[in-house]
Amino acid sequence: MAVDSSNREAYLKRLRRVEGQIRGLQRMVEEDKYCIDILTQVSAATKALQAFSLELLDEHLATCVVAAAAAGGDEAAVKVKEASDAIARLVRS
Protein backbone atom coordinates (compact mmCIF):
# COMPACT_ATOMS: atom_id res chain seq x y z
CA MET A 1 0.00 0.00 0.00
CA ALA A 2 1.01 3.59 -0.55
CA VAL A 3 0.05 6.78 1.24
CA ASP A 4 -3.70 6.99 1.78
CA SER A 5 -5.04 9.27 -0.92
CA SER A 6 -7.38 10.97 1.54
CA ASN A 7 -4.32 12.15 3.53
CA ARG A 8 -2.06 12.92 0.57
CA GLU A 9 -2.91 16.63 0.29
CA ALA A 10 -2.50 17.20 4.03
CA TYR A 11 0.88 15.45 3.93
CA LEU A 12 2.01 17.49 0.94
CA LYS A 13 0.89 20.70 2.65
CA ARG A 14 2.95 19.83 5.73
CA LEU A 15 5.99 18.95 3.62
CA ARG A 16 5.71 22.21 1.70
CA ARG A 17 5.70 24.03 5.03
CA VAL A 18 8.87 22.19 6.04
CA GLU A 19 10.39 23.01 2.66
CA GLY A 20 9.66 26.67 3.37
CA GLN A 21 11.37 26.35 6.73
CA ILE A 22 14.45 24.88 5.06
CA ARG A 23 14.52 27.67 2.50
CA GLY A 24 14.26 30.12 5.38
CA LEU A 25 17.28 28.46 6.95
CA GLN A 26 19.21 28.87 3.71
CA ARG A 27 18.32 32.57 3.65
CA MET A 28 19.37 32.96 7.27
CA VAL A 29 22.79 31.49 6.47
CA GLU A 30 23.14 33.64 3.34
CA GLU A 31 22.26 36.73 5.38
CA ASP A 32 24.73 35.84 8.16
CA LYS A 33 22.05 35.63 10.84
CA TYR A 34 22.97 34.86 14.44
CA CYS A 35 23.89 31.19 14.92
CA ILE A 36 21.48 30.64 17.81
CA ASP A 37 18.60 32.00 15.74
CA ILE A 38 19.48 29.56 12.96
CA LEU A 39 19.70 26.69 15.42
CA THR A 40 16.28 27.61 16.79
CA GLN A 41 14.84 27.33 13.29
CA VAL A 42 16.67 24.04 12.69
CA SER A 43 14.98 22.71 15.80
CA ALA A 44 11.57 23.83 14.55
CA ALA A 45 12.11 22.18 11.15
CA THR A 46 13.33 18.99 12.82
CA LYS A 47 10.26 18.85 15.05
CA ALA A 48 8.00 19.42 12.04
CA LEU A 49 9.62 16.48 10.20
CA GLN A 50 9.37 14.31 13.30
CA ALA A 51 5.66 15.10 13.65
CA PHE A 52 5.14 14.26 9.97
CA SER A 53 7.05 11.00 10.40
CA LEU A 54 4.96 9.96 13.39
CA GLU A 55 1.72 10.71 11.57
CA LEU A 56 2.84 8.71 8.54
CA LEU A 57 3.97 5.85 10.78
CA ASP A 58 0.60 5.88 12.52
CA GLU A 59 -1.16 5.61 9.16
CA HIS A 60 1.14 2.78 8.11
CA LEU A 61 0.44 0.84 11.30
CA ALA A 62 -3.31 1.41 11.04
CA THR A 63 -3.54 0.36 7.40
CA CYS A 64 -0.66 -1.67 5.99
CA VAL A 65 0.36 -3.51 9.14
CA VAL A 66 -3.20 -4.20 10.29
CA ALA A 67 -4.19 -5.48 6.83
CA ALA A 68 -1.13 -7.74 6.67
CA ALA A 69 -1.76 -9.04 10.20
CA ALA A 70 -5.38 -9.80 9.33
CA ALA A 71 -4.24 -11.71 6.23
CA GLY A 72 -1.63 -13.58 8.25
CA GLY A 73 1.29 -15.50 6.86
CA ASP A 74 4.78 -14.27 6.05
CA GLU A 75 3.58 -10.86 4.90
CA ALA A 76 2.40 -10.02 8.42
CA ALA A 77 5.84 -10.72 9.86
CA VAL A 78 7.48 -8.67 7.11
CA LYS A 79 5.22 -5.65 7.74
CA VAL A 80 5.75 -5.79 11.50
CA LYS A 81 9.53 -5.99 10.97
CA GLU A 82 9.43 -3.04 8.57
CA ALA A 83 7.46 -0.98 11.09
CA SER A 84 9.79 -1.97 13.91
CA ASP A 85 12.83 -0.98 11.85
CA ALA A 86 11.23 2.36 10.93
CA ILE A 87 10.48 3.07 14.60
CA ALA A 88 14.09 2.25 15.50
CA ARG A 89 15.35 4.70 12.84
CA LEU A 90 13.04 7.42 14.15
CA VAL A 91 14.16 6.87 17.72
CA ARG A 92 17.83 7.08 16.74
CA SER A 93 17.38 10.29 14.76
PDB file of N, CA and C in Angstrom:
ATOM      1  N   MET A   1       0.830  -1.188   0.000  1.00  0.00           N
ATOM      2  CA  MET A   1       0.000   0.000   0.000  1.00  0.00           C
ATOM      3  C   MET A   1       0.873   1.250   0.000  1.00  0.00           C
ATOM      4  N   ALA A   2       0.325   2.297  -0.546  1.00  0.00           N
ATOM      5  CA  ALA A   2       1.010   3.589  -0.549  1.00  0.00           C
ATOM      6  C   ALA A   2       0.294   4.529   0.420  1.00  0.00           C
ATOM      7  N   VAL A   3       0.683   5.773   0.391  1.00  0.00           N
ATOM      8  CA  VAL A   3       0.053   6.779   1.242  1.00  0.00           C
ATOM      9  C   VAL A   3      -1.435   6.845   0.912  1.00  0.00           C
ATOM     10  N   ASP A   4      -2.254   6.892   1.948  1.00  0.00           N
ATOM     11  CA  ASP A   4      -3.700   6.988   1.783  1.00  0.00           C
ATOM     12  C   ASP A   4      -4.026   8.265   1.012  1.00  0.00           C
ATOM     13  N   SER A   5      -4.751   8.119  -0.072  1.00  0.00           N
ATOM     14  CA  SER A   5      -5.036   9.272  -0.924  1.00  0.00           C
ATOM     15  C   SER A   5      -5.845  10.345  -0.202  1.00  0.00           C
ATOM     16  N   SER A   6      -6.607   9.968   0.810  1.00  0.00           N
ATOM     17  CA  SER A   6      -7.378  10.971   1.544  1.00  0.00           C
ATOM     18  C   SER A   6      -6.471  11.848   2.410  1.00  0.00           C
ATOM     19  N   ASN A   7      -5.274  11.382   2.720  1.00  0.00           N
ATOM     20  CA  ASN A   7      -4.320  12.152   3.525  1.00  0.00           C
ATOM     21  C   ASN A   7      -3.231  12.815   2.694  1.00  0.00           C
ATOM     22  N   ARG A   8      -3.164  12.469   1.425  1.00  0.00           N
ATOM     23  CA  ARG A   8      -2.063  12.917   0.574  1.00  0.00           C
ATOM     24  C   ARG A   8      -1.908  14.437   0.569  1.00  0.00           C
ATOM     25  N   GLU A   9      -2.999  15.168   0.361  1.00  0.00           N
ATOM     26  CA  GLU A   9      -2.906  16.630   0.290  1.00  0.00           C
ATOM     27  C   GLU A   9      -2.443  17.236   1.614  1.00  0.00           C
ATOM     28  N   ALA A  10      -2.930  16.693   2.720  1.00  0.00           N
ATOM     29  CA  ALA A  10      -2.497  17.196   4.030  1.00  0.00           C
ATOM     30  C   ALA A  10      -1.006  16.942   4.223  1.00  0.00           C
ATOM     31  N   TYR A  11      -0.544  15.769   3.819  1.00  0.00           N
ATOM     32  CA  TYR A  11       0.883  15.446   3.929  1.00  0.00           C
ATOM     33  C   TYR A  11       1.719  16.392   3.066  1.00  0.00           C
ATOM     34  N   LEU A  12       1.263  16.606   1.831  1.00  0.00           N
ATOM     35  CA  LEU A  12       2.006  17.489   0.936  1.00  0.00           C
ATOM     36  C   LEU A  12       2.041  18.914   1.477  1.00  0.00           C
ATOM     37  N   LYS A  13       0.936  19.358   2.059  1.00  0.00           N
ATOM     38  CA  LYS A  13       0.895  20.701   2.653  1.00  0.00           C
ATOM     39  C   LYS A  13       1.916  20.827   3.780  1.00  0.00           C
ATOM     40  N   ARG A  14       1.979  19.804   4.630  1.00  0.00           N
ATOM     41  CA  ARG A  14       2.951  19.826   5.728  1.00  0.00           C
ATOM     42  C   ARG A  14       4.377  19.826   5.200  1.00  0.00           C
ATOM     43  N   LEU A  15       4.635  19.014   4.179  1.00  0.00           N
ATOM     44  CA  LEU A  15       5.986  18.945   3.618  1.00  0.00           C
ATOM     45  C   LEU A  15       6.375  20.248   2.928  1.00  0.00           C
ATOM     46  N   ARG A  16       5.417  20.905   2.304  1.00  0.00           N
ATOM     47  CA  ARG A  16       5.714  22.206   1.698  1.00  0.00           C
ATOM     48  C   ARG A  16       6.066  23.231   2.772  1.00  0.00           C
ATOM     49  N   ARG A  17       5.393  23.138   3.911  1.00  0.00           N
ATOM     50  CA  ARG A  17       5.700  24.034   5.028  1.00  0.00           C
ATOM     51  C   ARG A  17       7.127  23.799   5.518  1.00  0.00           C
ATOM     52  N   VAL A  18       7.500  22.517   5.629  1.00  0.00           N
ATOM     53  CA  VAL A  18       8.870  22.185   6.045  1.00  0.00           C
ATOM     54  C   VAL A  18       9.864  22.684   4.997  1.00  0.00           C
ATOM     55  N   GLU A  19       9.519  22.519   3.736  1.00  0.00           N
ATOM     56  CA  GLU A  19      10.386  23.009   2.662  1.00  0.00           C
ATOM     57  C   GLU A  19      10.595  24.516   2.802  1.00  0.00           C
ATOM     58  N   GLY A  20       9.539  25.232   3.146  1.00  0.00           N
ATOM     59  CA  GLY A  20       9.660  26.666   3.372  1.00  0.00           C
ATOM     60  C   GLY A  20      10.573  26.980   4.542  1.00  0.00           C
ATOM     61  N   GLN A  21      10.478  26.163   5.586  1.00  0.00           N
ATOM     62  CA  GLN A  21      11.367  26.352   6.732  1.00  0.00           C
ATOM     63  C   GLN A  21      12.825  26.152   6.323  1.00  0.00           C
ATOM     64  N   ILE A  22      13.078  25.150   5.505  1.00  0.00           N
ATOM     65  CA  ILE A  22      14.453  24.877   5.057  1.00  0.00           C
ATOM     66  C   ILE A  22      14.957  26.019   4.185  1.00  0.00           C
ATOM     67  N   ARG A  23      14.109  26.523   3.316  1.00  0.00           N
ATOM     68  CA  ARG A  23      14.517  27.674   2.499  1.00  0.00           C
ATOM     69  C   ARG A  23      14.801  28.883   3.378  1.00  0.00           C
ATOM     70  N   GLY A  24      14.006  29.046   4.420  1.00  0.00           N
ATOM     71  CA  GLY A  24      14.257  30.117   5.376  1.00  0.00           C
ATOM     72  C   GLY A  24      15.606  29.964   6.047  1.00  0.00           C
ATOM     73  N   LEU A  25      15.960  28.726   6.361  1.00  0.00           N
ATOM     74  CA  LEU A  25      17.280  28.463   6.946  1.00  0.00           C
ATOM     75  C   LEU A  25      18.398  28.850   5.975  1.00  0.00           C
ATOM     76  N   GLN A  26      18.210  28.509   4.713  1.00  0.00           N
ATOM     77  CA  GLN A  26      19.212  28.874   3.713  1.00  0.00           C
ATOM     78  C   GLN A  26      19.383  30.390   3.654  1.00  0.00           C
ATOM     79  N   ARG A  27      18.255  31.105   3.670  1.00  0.00           N
ATOM     80  CA  ARG A  27      18.320  32.569   3.653  1.00  0.00           C
ATOM     81  C   ARG A  27      19.035  33.110   4.891  1.00  0.00           C
ATOM     82  N   MET A  28      18.730  32.513   6.029  1.00  0.00           N
ATOM     83  CA  MET A  28      19.372  32.963   7.269  1.00  0.00           C
ATOM     84  C   MET A  28      20.886  32.815   7.183  1.00  0.00           C
ATOM     85  N   VAL A  29      21.346  31.707   6.620  1.00  0.00           N
ATOM     86  CA  VAL A  29      22.794  31.492   6.472  1.00  0.00           C
ATOM     87  C   VAL A  29      23.364  32.498   5.473  1.00  0.00           C
ATOM     88  N   GLU A  30      22.671  32.683   4.347  1.00  0.00           N
ATOM     89  CA  GLU A  30      23.135  33.643   3.342  1.00  0.00           C
ATOM     90  C   GLU A  30      23.227  35.051   3.912  1.00  0.00           C
ATOM     91  N   GLU A  31      22.318  35.381   4.812  1.00  0.00           N
ATOM     92  CA  GLU A  31      22.261  36.728   5.384  1.00  0.00           C
ATOM     93  C   GLU A  31      23.072  36.851   6.673  1.00  0.00           C
ATOM     94  N   ASP A  32      23.856  35.828   6.975  1.00  0.00           N
ATOM     95  CA  ASP A  32      24.727  35.837   8.161  1.00  0.00           C
ATOM     96  C   ASP A  32      23.970  36.133   9.451  1.00  0.00           C
ATOM     97  N   LYS A  33      22.838  35.461   9.623  1.00  0.00           N
ATOM     98  CA  LYS A  33      22.051  35.632  10.844  1.00  0.00           C
ATOM     99  C   LYS A  33      22.781  34.991  12.023  1.00  0.00           C
ATOM    100  N   TYR A  34      22.370  35.352  13.196  1.00  0.00           N
ATOM    101  CA  TYR A  34      22.967  34.864  14.439  1.00  0.00           C
ATOM    102  C   TYR A  34      22.795  33.347  14.536  1.00  0.00           C
ATOM    103  N   CYS A  35      23.863  32.655  14.895  1.00  0.00           N
ATOM    104  CA  CYS A  35      23.889  31.188  14.924  1.00  0.00           C
ATOM    105  C   CYS A  35      22.759  30.598  15.772  1.00  0.00           C
ATOM    106  N   ILE A  36      22.515  31.179  16.926  1.00  0.00           N
ATOM    107  CA  ILE A  36      21.481  30.644  17.812  1.00  0.00           C
ATOM    108  C   ILE A  36      20.105  30.768  17.173  1.00  0.00           C
ATOM    109  N   ASP A  37      19.871  31.848  16.437  1.00  0.00           N
ATOM    110  CA  ASP A  37      18.597  32.003  15.737  1.00  0.00           C
ATOM    111  C   ASP A  37      18.433  30.924  14.662  1.00  0.00           C
ATOM    112  N   ILE A  38      19.511  30.619  13.971  1.00  0.00           N
ATOM    113  CA  ILE A  38      19.481  29.565  12.956  1.00  0.00           C
ATOM    114  C   ILE A  38      19.210  28.217  13.624  1.00  0.00           C
ATOM    115  N   LEU A  39      19.900  27.953  14.719  1.00  0.00           N
ATOM    116  CA  LEU A  39      19.705  26.687  15.423  1.00  0.00           C
ATOM    117  C   LEU A  39      18.269  26.545  15.933  1.00  0.00           C
ATOM    118  N   THR A  40      17.677  27.633  16.352  1.00  0.00           N
ATOM    119  CA  THR A  40      16.281  27.605  16.790  1.00  0.00           C
ATOM    120  C   THR A  40      15.380  27.181  15.636  1.00  0.00           C
ATOM    121  N   GLN A  41      15.649  27.697  14.461  1.00  0.00           N
ATOM    122  CA  GLN A  41      14.843  27.332  13.294  1.00  0.00           C
ATOM    123  C   GLN A  41      15.120  25.899  12.834  1.00  0.00           C
ATOM    124  N   VAL A  42      16.355  25.450  12.994  1.00  0.00           N
ATOM    125  CA  VAL A  42      16.674  24.043  12.692  1.00  0.00           C
ATOM    126  C   VAL A  42      15.852  23.136  13.593  1.00  0.00           C
ATOM    127  N   SER A  43      15.769  23.492  14.851  1.00  0.00           N
ATOM    128  CA  SER A  43      14.984  22.706  15.803  1.00  0.00           C
ATOM    129  C   SER A  43      13.516  22.659  15.396  1.00  0.00           C
ATOM    130  N   ALA A  44      12.973  23.783  14.968  1.00  0.00           N
ATOM    131  CA  ALA A  44      11.574  23.833  14.546  1.00  0.00           C
ATOM    132  C   ALA A  44      11.333  22.953  13.320  1.00  0.00           C
ATOM    133  N   ALA A  45      12.241  23.009  12.358  1.00  0.00           N
ATOM    134  CA  ALA A  45      12.111  22.185  11.150  1.00  0.00           C
ATOM    135  C   ALA A  45      12.246  20.705  11.499  1.00  0.00           C
ATOM    136  N   THR A  46      13.153  20.381  12.390  1.00  0.00           N
ATOM    137  CA  THR A  46      13.335  18.994  12.820  1.00  0.00           C
ATOM    138  C   THR A  46      12.076  18.467  13.490  1.00  0.00           C
ATOM    139  N   LYS A  47      11.487  19.264  14.359  1.00  0.00           N
ATOM    140  CA  LYS A  47      10.263  18.854  15.050  1.00  0.00           C
ATOM    141  C   LYS A  47       9.115  18.675  14.061  1.00  0.00           C
ATOM    142  N   ALA A  48       9.045  19.539  13.060  1.00  0.00           N
ATOM    143  CA  ALA A  48       8.004  19.417  12.043  1.00  0.00           C
ATOM    144  C   ALA A  48       8.159  18.114  11.264  1.00  0.00           C
ATOM    145  N   LEU A  49       9.383  17.748  10.904  1.00  0.00           N
ATOM    146  CA  LEU A  49       9.620  16.483  10.204  1.00  0.00           C
ATOM    147  C   LEU A  49       9.327  15.282  11.097  1.00  0.00           C
ATOM    148  N   GLN A  50       9.669  15.395  12.370  1.00  0.00           N
ATOM    149  CA  GLN A  50       9.367  14.307  13.302  1.00  0.00           C
ATOM    150  C   GLN A  50       7.861  14.103  13.438  1.00  0.00           C
ATOM    151  N   ALA A  51       7.120  15.195  13.538  1.00  0.00           N
ATOM    152  CA  ALA A  51       5.661  15.097  13.647  1.00  0.00           C
ATOM    153  C   ALA A  51       5.076  14.465  12.392  1.00  0.00           C
ATOM    154  N   PHE A  52       5.588  14.861  11.232  1.00  0.00           N
ATOM    155  CA  PHE A  52       5.143  14.263   9.974  1.00  0.00           C
ATOM    156  C   PHE A  52       5.444  12.763   9.959  1.00  0.00           C
ATOM    157  N   SER A  53       6.643  12.407  10.377  1.00  0.00           N
ATOM    158  CA  SER A  53       7.049  10.998  10.401  1.00  0.00           C
ATOM    159  C   SER A  53       6.142  10.170  11.299  1.00  0.00           C
ATOM    160  N   LEU A  54       5.826  10.696  12.464  1.00  0.00           N
ATOM    161  CA  LEU A  54       4.964   9.961  13.392  1.00  0.00           C
ATOM    162  C   LEU A  54       3.555   9.788  12.834  1.00  0.00           C
ATOM    163  N   GLU A  55       3.048  10.819  12.164  1.00  0.00           N
ATOM    164  CA  GLU A  55       1.718  10.713  11.566  1.00  0.00           C
ATOM    165  C   GLU A  55       1.711   9.667  10.449  1.00  0.00           C
ATOM    166  N   LEU A  56       2.741   9.685   9.627  1.00  0.00           N
ATOM    167  CA  LEU A  56       2.844   8.710   8.538  1.00  0.00           C
ATOM    168  C   LEU A  56       3.010   7.301   9.088  1.00  0.00           C
ATOM    169  N   LEU A  57       3.798   7.150  10.136  1.00  0.00           N
ATOM    170  CA  LEU A  57       3.974   5.847  10.779  1.00  0.00           C
ATOM    171  C   LEU A  57       2.656   5.349  11.348  1.00  0.00           C
ATOM    172  N   ASP A  58       1.901   6.241  11.972  1.00  0.00           N
ATOM    173  CA  ASP A  58       0.602   5.877  12.517  1.00  0.00           C
ATOM    174  C   ASP A  58      -0.330   5.362  11.421  1.00  0.00           C
ATOM    175  N   GLU A  59      -0.338   6.061  10.288  1.00  0.00           N
ATOM    176  CA  GLU A  59      -1.159   5.607   9.161  1.00  0.00           C
ATOM    177  C   GLU A  59      -0.704   4.241   8.673  1.00  0.00           C
ATOM    178  N   HIS A  60       0.601   4.058   8.578  1.00  0.00           N
ATOM    179  CA  HIS A  60       1.139   2.780   8.107  1.00  0.00           C
ATOM    180  C   HIS A  60       0.721   1.633   9.037  1.00  0.00           C
ATOM    181  N   LEU A  61       0.835   1.874  10.332  1.00  0.00           N
ATOM    182  CA  LEU A  61       0.438   0.840  11.296  1.00  0.00           C
ATOM    183  C   LEU A  61      -1.053   0.534  11.193  1.00  0.00           C
ATOM    184  N   ALA A  62      -1.858   1.581  11.062  1.00  0.00           N
ATOM    185  CA  ALA A  62      -3.312   1.412  11.036  1.00  0.00           C
ATOM    186  C   ALA A  62      -3.820   0.786   9.743  1.00  0.00           C
ATOM    187  N   THR A  63      -3.063   0.896   8.679  1.00  0.00           N
ATOM    188  CA  THR A  63      -3.545   0.362   7.403  1.00  0.00           C
ATOM    189  C   THR A  63      -2.723  -0.847   6.951  1.00  0.00           C
ATOM    190  N   CYS A  64      -1.500  -0.610   6.566  1.00  0.00           N
ATOM    191  CA  CYS A  64      -0.661  -1.668   5.987  1.00  0.00           C
ATOM    192  C   CYS A  64      -0.404  -2.811   6.967  1.00  0.00           C
ATOM    193  N   VAL A  65       0.010  -2.469   8.172  1.00  0.00           N
ATOM    194  CA  VAL A  65       0.364  -3.509   9.145  1.00  0.00           C
ATOM    195  C   VAL A  65      -0.887  -4.262   9.595  1.00  0.00           C
ATOM    196  N   VAL A  66      -1.962  -3.541   9.863  1.00  0.00           N
ATOM    197  CA  VAL A  66      -3.203  -4.195  10.290  1.00  0.00           C
ATOM    198  C   VAL A  66      -3.733  -5.116   9.189  1.00  0.00           C
ATOM    199  N   ALA A  67      -3.709  -4.648   7.943  1.00  0.00           N
ATOM    200  CA  ALA A  67      -4.188  -5.482   6.829  1.00  0.00           C
ATOM    201  C   ALA A  67      -3.325  -6.739   6.683  1.00  0.00           C
ATOM    202  N   ALA A  68      -2.018  -6.588   6.793  1.00  0.00           N
ATOM    203  CA  ALA A  68      -1.126  -7.738   6.672  1.00  0.00           C
ATOM    204  C   ALA A  68      -1.334  -8.706   7.836  1.00  0.00           C
ATOM    205  N   ALA A  69      -1.533  -8.173   9.035  1.00  0.00           N
ATOM    206  CA  ALA A  69      -1.757  -9.039  10.195  1.00  0.00           C
ATOM    207  C   ALA A  69      -3.063  -9.800  10.055  1.00  0.00           C
ATOM    208  N   ALA A  70      -4.087  -9.132   9.522  1.00  0.00           N
ATOM    209  CA  ALA A  70      -5.376  -9.803   9.325  1.00  0.00           C
ATOM    210  C   ALA A  70      -5.262 -10.917   8.289  1.00  0.00           C
ATOM    211  N   ALA A  71      -4.427 -10.692   7.264  1.00  0.00           N
ATOM    212  CA  ALA A  71      -4.238 -11.708   6.228  1.00  0.00           C
ATOM    213  C   ALA A  71      -3.379 -12.856   6.741  1.00  0.00           C
ATOM    214  N   GLY A  72      -2.501 -12.554   7.686  1.00  0.00           N
ATOM    215  CA  GLY A  72      -1.634 -13.582   8.254  1.00  0.00           C
ATOM    216  C   GLY A  72      -0.495 -13.949   7.327  1.00  0.00           C
ATOM    217  N   GLY A  73       0.198 -14.994   7.683  1.00  0.00           N
ATOM    218  CA  GLY A  73       1.295 -15.499   6.863  1.00  0.00           C
ATOM    219  C   GLY A  73       2.568 -14.690   6.993  1.00  0.00           C
ATOM    220  N   ASP A  74       3.464 -14.916   6.042  1.00  0.00           N
ATOM    221  CA  ASP A  74       4.778 -14.272   6.054  1.00  0.00           C
ATOM    222  C   ASP A  74       4.696 -12.759   5.900  1.00  0.00           C
ATOM    223  N   GLU A  75       3.709 -12.297   5.140  1.00  0.00           N
ATOM    224  CA  GLU A  75       3.578 -10.862   4.900  1.00  0.00           C
ATOM    225  C   GLU A  75       3.362 -10.100   6.198  1.00  0.00           C
ATOM    226  N   ALA A  76       2.637 -10.677   7.130  1.00  0.00           N
ATOM    227  CA  ALA A  76       2.403 -10.024   8.424  1.00  0.00           C
ATOM    228  C   ALA A  76       3.719  -9.818   9.159  1.00  0.00           C
ATOM    229  N   ALA A  77       4.540 -10.825   9.186  1.00  0.00           N
ATOM    230  CA  ALA A  77       5.837 -10.716   9.862  1.00  0.00           C
ATOM    231  C   ALA A  77       6.723  -9.682   9.179  1.00  0.00           C
ATOM    232  N   VAL A  78       6.675  -9.633   7.859  1.00  0.00           N
ATOM    233  CA  VAL A  78       7.481  -8.666   7.105  1.00  0.00           C
ATOM    234  C   VAL A  78       7.041  -7.245   7.440  1.00  0.00           C
ATOM    235  N   LYS A  79       5.732  -6.998   7.457  1.00  0.00           N
ATOM    236  CA  LYS A  79       5.225  -5.652   7.742  1.00  0.00           C
ATOM    237  C   LYS A  79       5.533  -5.222   9.173  1.00  0.00           C
ATOM    238  N   VAL A  80       5.420  -6.119  10.112  1.00  0.00           N
ATOM    239  CA  VAL A  80       5.750  -5.791  11.498  1.00  0.00           C
ATOM    240  C   VAL A  80       7.239  -5.466  11.618  1.00  0.00           C
ATOM    241  N   LYS A  81       8.083  -6.238  10.950  1.00  0.00           N
ATOM    242  CA  LYS A  81       9.534  -5.987  10.974  1.00  0.00           C
ATOM    243  C   LYS A  81       9.857  -4.640  10.343  1.00  0.00           C
ATOM    244  N   GLU A  82       9.221  -4.338   9.210  1.00  0.00           N
ATOM    245  CA  GLU A  82       9.430  -3.037   8.570  1.00  0.00           C
ATOM    246  C   GLU A  82       9.065  -1.895   9.520  1.00  0.00           C
ATOM    247  N   ALA A  83       7.917  -2.028  10.172  1.00  0.00           N
ATOM    248  CA  ALA A  83       7.460  -0.985  11.092  1.00  0.00           C
ATOM    249  C   ALA A  83       8.422  -0.858  12.270  1.00  0.00           C
ATOM    250  N   SER A  84       8.850  -1.978  12.791  1.00  0.00           N
ATOM    251  CA  SER A  84       9.786  -1.968  13.908  1.00  0.00           C
ATOM    252  C   SER A  84      11.097  -1.293  13.520  1.00  0.00           C
ATOM    253  N   ASP A  85      11.598  -1.598  12.336  1.00  0.00           N
ATOM    254  CA  ASP A  85      12.831  -0.976  11.849  1.00  0.00           C
ATOM    255  C   ASP A  85      12.652   0.529  11.657  1.00  0.00           C
ATOM    256  N   ALA A  86      11.496   0.936  11.126  1.00  0.00           N
ATOM    257  CA  ALA A  86      11.228   2.358  10.934  1.00  0.00           C
ATOM    258  C   ALA A  86      11.178   3.087  12.266  1.00  0.00           C
ATOM    259  N   ILE A  87      10.550   2.474  13.258  1.00  0.00           N
ATOM    260  CA  ILE A  87      10.479   3.072  14.599  1.00  0.00           C
ATOM    261  C   ILE A  87      11.889   3.217  15.165  1.00  0.00           C
ATOM    262  N   ALA A  88      12.709   2.198  14.993  1.00  0.00           N
ATOM    263  CA  ALA A  88      14.090   2.254  15.502  1.00  0.00           C
ATOM    264  C   ALA A  88      14.852   3.405  14.840  1.00  0.00           C
ATOM    265  N   ARG A  89      14.668   3.596  13.535  1.00  0.00           N
ATOM    266  CA  ARG A  89      15.349   4.704  12.842  1.00  0.00           C
ATOM    267  C   ARG A  89      14.870   6.047  13.375  1.00  0.00           C
ATOM    268  N   LEU A  90      13.582   6.165  13.628  1.00  0.00           N
ATOM    269  CA  LEU A  90      13.042   7.418  14.150  1.00  0.00           C
ATOM    270  C   LEU A  90      13.563   7.718  15.551  1.00  0.00           C
ATOM    271  N   VAL A  91      13.678   6.693  16.364  1.00  0.00           N
ATOM    272  CA  VAL A  91      14.164   6.873  17.723  1.00  0.00           C
ATOM    273  C   VAL A  91      15.624   7.288  17.726  1.00  0.00           C
ATOM    274  N   ARG A  92      16.401   6.745  16.806  1.00  0.00           N
ATOM    275  CA  ARG A  92      17.833   7.078  16.736  1.00  0.00           C
ATOM    276  C   ARG A  92      18.075   8.477  16.178  1.00  0.00           C
ATOM    277  N   SER A  93      17.140   8.987  15.406  1.00  0.00           N
ATOM    278  CA  SER A  93      17.379  10.295  14.758  1.00  0.00           C
ATOM    279  C   SER A  93      17.154  11.454  15.684  1.00  0.00           C
TER     280      SER A  93
END
